[in-house]
Structures are given as structure tokens and as C-alpha cells.
Amino acid sequence: MEVLLEIEDKRATEVLSALKALKYTKIKTIKNNSKDKFLKDLKASVKEVNLAKQGKIKLKSFDEFLNEL
């Protein structure tokens, strides 16, 4: 049987320690993919803006952006 638990951050270590002590349990941490994806995309965007400021790449104009839609 699989069970998903949501635990407050400040209590997570305590609860996980108790669960790990039980030999018949397996613990798998699930990352919040939407947050991870957002941060990854944000970092890529900042990098792209910095490259544009340095003149290493040329960004699309607003009209080019709209034409893609």
C-alpha cells in the first residue's frame, strides 16, 4: 500500500526518523516538480537576459514574439 503524507517542515525530520525505524516501511521523498521547474526556468531566463545585456545573443522583438503565437 502506498500512502502520501504531507508534513510540516519543522516536524518532518522527527516523523521521518520514526518511520525509518520501522523495518517494514520504505520512504521515498517526492519533490515538488512545479516549483523545481519554475526555478529552473527562472534561472535560464536570467542567464538569457544577462547574455543579451553583454551583447552575446539577440533577443526577439515583441512583434516576433507575437507572430509565434
N, C-alpha and C. Protein backbone atom coordinates (compact mmCIF):
# COMPACT_ATOMS: atom_id res chain seq x y z
N MET A 1 0.85 -1.16 0.00
CA MET A 1 0.00 0.00 0.00
C MET A 1 0.90 1.23 0.00
N GLU A 2 0.49 2.24 -0.75
CA GLU A 2 1.22 3.50 -0.77
C GLU A 2 0.39 4.56 -0.06
N VAL A 3 1.08 5.40 0.70
CA VAL A 3 0.43 6.48 1.44
C VAL A 3 1.25 7.74 1.23
N LEU A 4 0.58 8.82 0.93
CA LEU A 4 1.26 10.11 0.77
C LEU A 4 0.99 10.95 2.01
N LEU A 5 2.06 11.41 2.65
CA LEU A 5 1.93 12.23 3.85
C LEU A 5 2.43 13.63 3.57
N GLU A 6 1.72 14.61 4.05
CA GLU A 6 2.20 15.99 4.00
C GLU A 6 2.51 16.38 5.43
N ILE A 7 3.77 16.75 5.65
CA ILE A 7 4.24 17.03 7.00
C ILE A 7 4.83 18.42 7.04
N GLU A 8 4.55 19.16 8.10
CA GLU A 8 5.15 20.48 8.28
C GLU A 8 6.67 20.33 8.27
N ASP A 9 7.35 21.29 7.65
CA ASP A 9 8.80 21.22 7.55
C ASP A 9 9.48 21.06 8.91
N LYS A 10 8.98 21.77 9.91
CA LYS A 10 9.64 21.73 11.21
C LYS A 10 9.46 20.38 11.91
N ARG A 11 8.49 19.58 11.49
CA ARG A 11 8.24 18.26 12.09
C ARG A 11 8.70 17.11 11.20
N ALA A 12 9.10 17.39 9.97
CA ALA A 12 9.41 16.34 9.00
C ALA A 12 10.52 15.41 9.48
N THR A 13 11.59 15.96 10.00
CA THR A 13 12.72 15.14 10.44
C THR A 13 12.30 14.17 11.53
N GLU A 14 11.51 14.65 12.45
CA GLU A 14 11.05 13.82 13.56
C GLU A 14 10.17 12.67 13.06
N VAL A 15 9.24 12.98 12.18
CA VAL A 15 8.32 11.96 11.66
C VAL A 15 9.08 10.96 10.79
N LEU A 16 9.96 11.45 9.94
CA LEU A 16 10.73 10.56 9.08
C LEU A 16 11.63 9.63 9.88
N SER A 17 12.20 10.12 10.94
CA SER A 17 13.04 9.27 11.81
C SER A 17 12.21 8.14 12.41
N ALA A 18 11.01 8.47 12.85
CA ALA A 18 10.14 7.44 13.43
C ALA A 18 9.75 6.40 12.38
N LEU A 19 9.44 6.85 11.18
CA LEU A 19 9.06 5.91 10.12
C LEU A 19 10.24 5.04 9.67
N LYS A 20 11.42 5.63 9.61
CA LYS A 20 12.61 4.87 9.21
C LYS A 20 12.93 3.77 10.22
N ALA A 21 12.57 3.98 11.45
CA ALA A 21 12.83 2.98 12.50
C ALA A 21 11.99 1.73 12.30
N LEU A 22 10.92 1.83 11.57
CA LEU A 22 10.07 0.67 11.29
C LEU A 22 10.66 -0.09 10.10
N LYS A 23 11.03 -1.33 10.31
CA LYS A 23 11.72 -2.11 9.28
C LYS A 23 10.83 -2.39 8.06
N TYR A 24 9.55 -2.37 8.24
CA TYR A 24 8.64 -2.72 7.14
C TYR A 24 8.19 -1.51 6.31
N THR A 25 8.85 -0.38 6.47
CA THR A 25 8.49 0.80 5.69
C THR A 25 9.63 1.19 4.75
N LYS A 26 9.25 1.72 3.59
CA LYS A 26 10.20 2.32 2.65
C LYS A 26 9.79 3.77 2.51
N ILE A 27 10.75 4.65 2.51
CA ILE A 27 10.45 6.08 2.41
C ILE A 27 11.02 6.62 1.11
N LYS A 28 10.17 7.32 0.40
CA LYS A 28 10.57 7.94 -0.86
C LYS A 28 10.13 9.41 -0.80
N THR A 29 11.08 10.30 -0.92
CA THR A 29 10.76 11.73 -0.89
C THR A 29 10.34 12.17 -2.29
N ILE A 30 9.24 12.88 -2.36
CA ILE A 30 8.72 13.37 -3.63
C ILE A 30 8.97 14.87 -3.69
N LYS A 31 9.66 15.28 -4.74
CA LYS A 31 9.92 16.71 -4.90
C LYS A 31 8.72 17.39 -5.54
N ASN A 32 8.57 18.64 -5.22
CA ASN A 32 7.51 19.44 -5.83
C ASN A 32 8.02 19.89 -7.20
N ASN A 33 7.66 19.15 -8.24
CA ASN A 33 8.19 19.40 -9.57
C ASN A 33 7.82 20.76 -10.13
N SER A 34 6.65 21.26 -9.81
CA SER A 34 6.26 22.56 -10.37
C SER A 34 7.17 23.67 -9.84
N LYS A 35 7.51 23.61 -8.58
CA LYS A 35 8.42 24.61 -8.00
C LYS A 35 9.81 24.47 -8.59
N ASP A 36 10.29 23.21 -8.71
CA ASP A 36 11.61 22.98 -9.29
C ASP A 36 11.68 23.46 -10.73
N LYS A 37 10.64 23.18 -11.49
CA LYS A 37 10.61 23.61 -12.89
C LYS A 37 10.59 25.13 -12.98
N PHE A 38 9.80 25.78 -12.14
CA PHE A 38 9.74 27.23 -12.14
C PHE A 38 11.12 27.84 -11.87
N LEU A 39 11.80 27.33 -10.85
CA LEU A 39 13.13 27.85 -10.51
C LEU A 39 14.14 27.61 -11.62
N LYS A 40 14.07 26.43 -12.25
CA LYS A 40 14.97 26.13 -13.36
C LYS A 40 14.72 27.08 -14.53
N ASP A 41 13.44 27.30 -14.87
CA ASP A 41 13.09 28.21 -15.96
C ASP A 41 13.50 29.65 -15.64
N LEU A 42 13.32 30.05 -14.38
CA LEU A 42 13.69 31.40 -13.97
C LEU A 42 15.20 31.61 -14.10
N LYS A 43 15.98 30.63 -13.68
CA LYS A 43 17.44 30.73 -13.81
C LYS A 43 17.85 30.83 -15.27
N ALA A 44 17.21 30.05 -16.13
CA ALA A 44 17.52 30.10 -17.56
C ALA A 44 17.17 31.46 -18.15
N SER A 45 16.07 32.04 -17.71
CA SER A 45 15.66 33.36 -18.19
C SER A 45 16.65 34.44 -17.77
N VAL A 46 17.08 34.39 -16.53
CA VAL A 46 18.05 35.37 -16.03
C VAL A 46 19.36 35.25 -16.80
N LYS A 47 19.78 34.01 -17.06
CA LYS A 47 21.00 33.79 -17.82
C LYS A 47 20.87 34.38 -19.23
N GLU A 48 19.70 34.18 -19.85
CA GLU A 48 19.47 34.70 -21.20
C GLU A 48 19.49 36.23 -21.22
N VAL A 49 18.88 36.86 -20.23
CA VAL A 49 18.87 38.32 -20.14
C VAL A 49 20.31 38.84 -19.94
N ASN A 50 21.07 38.19 -19.10
CA ASN A 50 22.46 38.61 -18.88
C ASN A 50 23.29 38.48 -20.15
N LEU A 51 23.09 37.40 -20.92
CA LEU A 51 23.80 37.24 -22.19
C LEU A 51 23.39 38.34 -23.18
N ALA A 52 22.13 38.71 -23.18
CA ALA A 52 21.65 39.77 -24.06
C ALA A 52 22.27 41.11 -23.67
N LYS A 53 22.36 41.37 -22.38
CA LYS A 53 22.97 42.62 -21.91
C LYS A 53 24.44 42.70 -22.31
N GLN A 54 25.11 41.56 -22.36
CA GLN A 54 26.52 41.51 -22.74
C GLN A 54 26.70 41.55 -24.26
N GLY A 55 25.58 41.48 -24.98
CA GLY A 55 25.64 41.51 -26.44
C GLY A 55 26.00 40.17 -27.07
N LYS A 56 25.95 39.11 -26.31
CA LYS A 56 26.33 37.80 -26.82
C LYS A 56 25.19 37.12 -27.57
N ILE A 57 23.95 37.48 -27.27
CA ILE A 57 22.80 36.97 -28.01
C ILE A 57 21.84 38.11 -28.29
N LYS A 58 20.99 37.92 -29.30
CA LYS A 58 19.99 38.93 -29.64
C LYS A 58 18.62 38.35 -29.29
N LEU A 59 17.88 39.10 -28.50
CA LEU A 59 16.55 38.66 -28.12
C LEU A 59 15.55 39.00 -29.22
N LYS A 60 14.45 38.27 -29.25
CA LYS A 60 13.39 38.53 -30.22
C LYS A 60 12.68 39.82 -29.87
N SER A 61 12.19 40.48 -30.90
CA SER A 61 11.38 41.69 -30.66
C SER A 61 9.99 41.24 -30.21
N PHE A 62 9.23 42.17 -29.71
CA PHE A 62 7.87 41.88 -29.26
C PHE A 62 7.03 41.40 -30.44
N ASP A 63 7.20 42.02 -31.61
CA ASP A 63 6.45 41.62 -32.80
C ASP A 63 6.79 40.18 -33.21
N GLU A 64 8.08 39.81 -33.15
CA GLU A 64 8.47 38.44 -33.46
C GLU A 64 7.84 37.46 -32.48
N PHE A 65 7.80 37.86 -31.25
CA PHE A 65 7.17 37.02 -30.21
C PHE A 65 5.70 36.82 -30.52
N LEU A 66 4.99 37.90 -30.85
CA LEU A 66 3.56 37.79 -31.14
C LEU A 66 3.30 36.94 -32.38
N ASN A 67 4.17 37.03 -33.38
CA ASN A 67 3.98 36.25 -34.60
C ASN A 67 4.11 34.75 -34.34
N GLU A 68 4.86 34.37 -33.33
CA GLU A 68 4.99 32.96 -32.98
C GLU A 68 3.70 32.41 -32.38
N LEU A 69 2.94 33.27 -31.75
CA LEU A 69 1.69 32.82 -31.13
C LEU A 69 0.67 32.61 -32.20
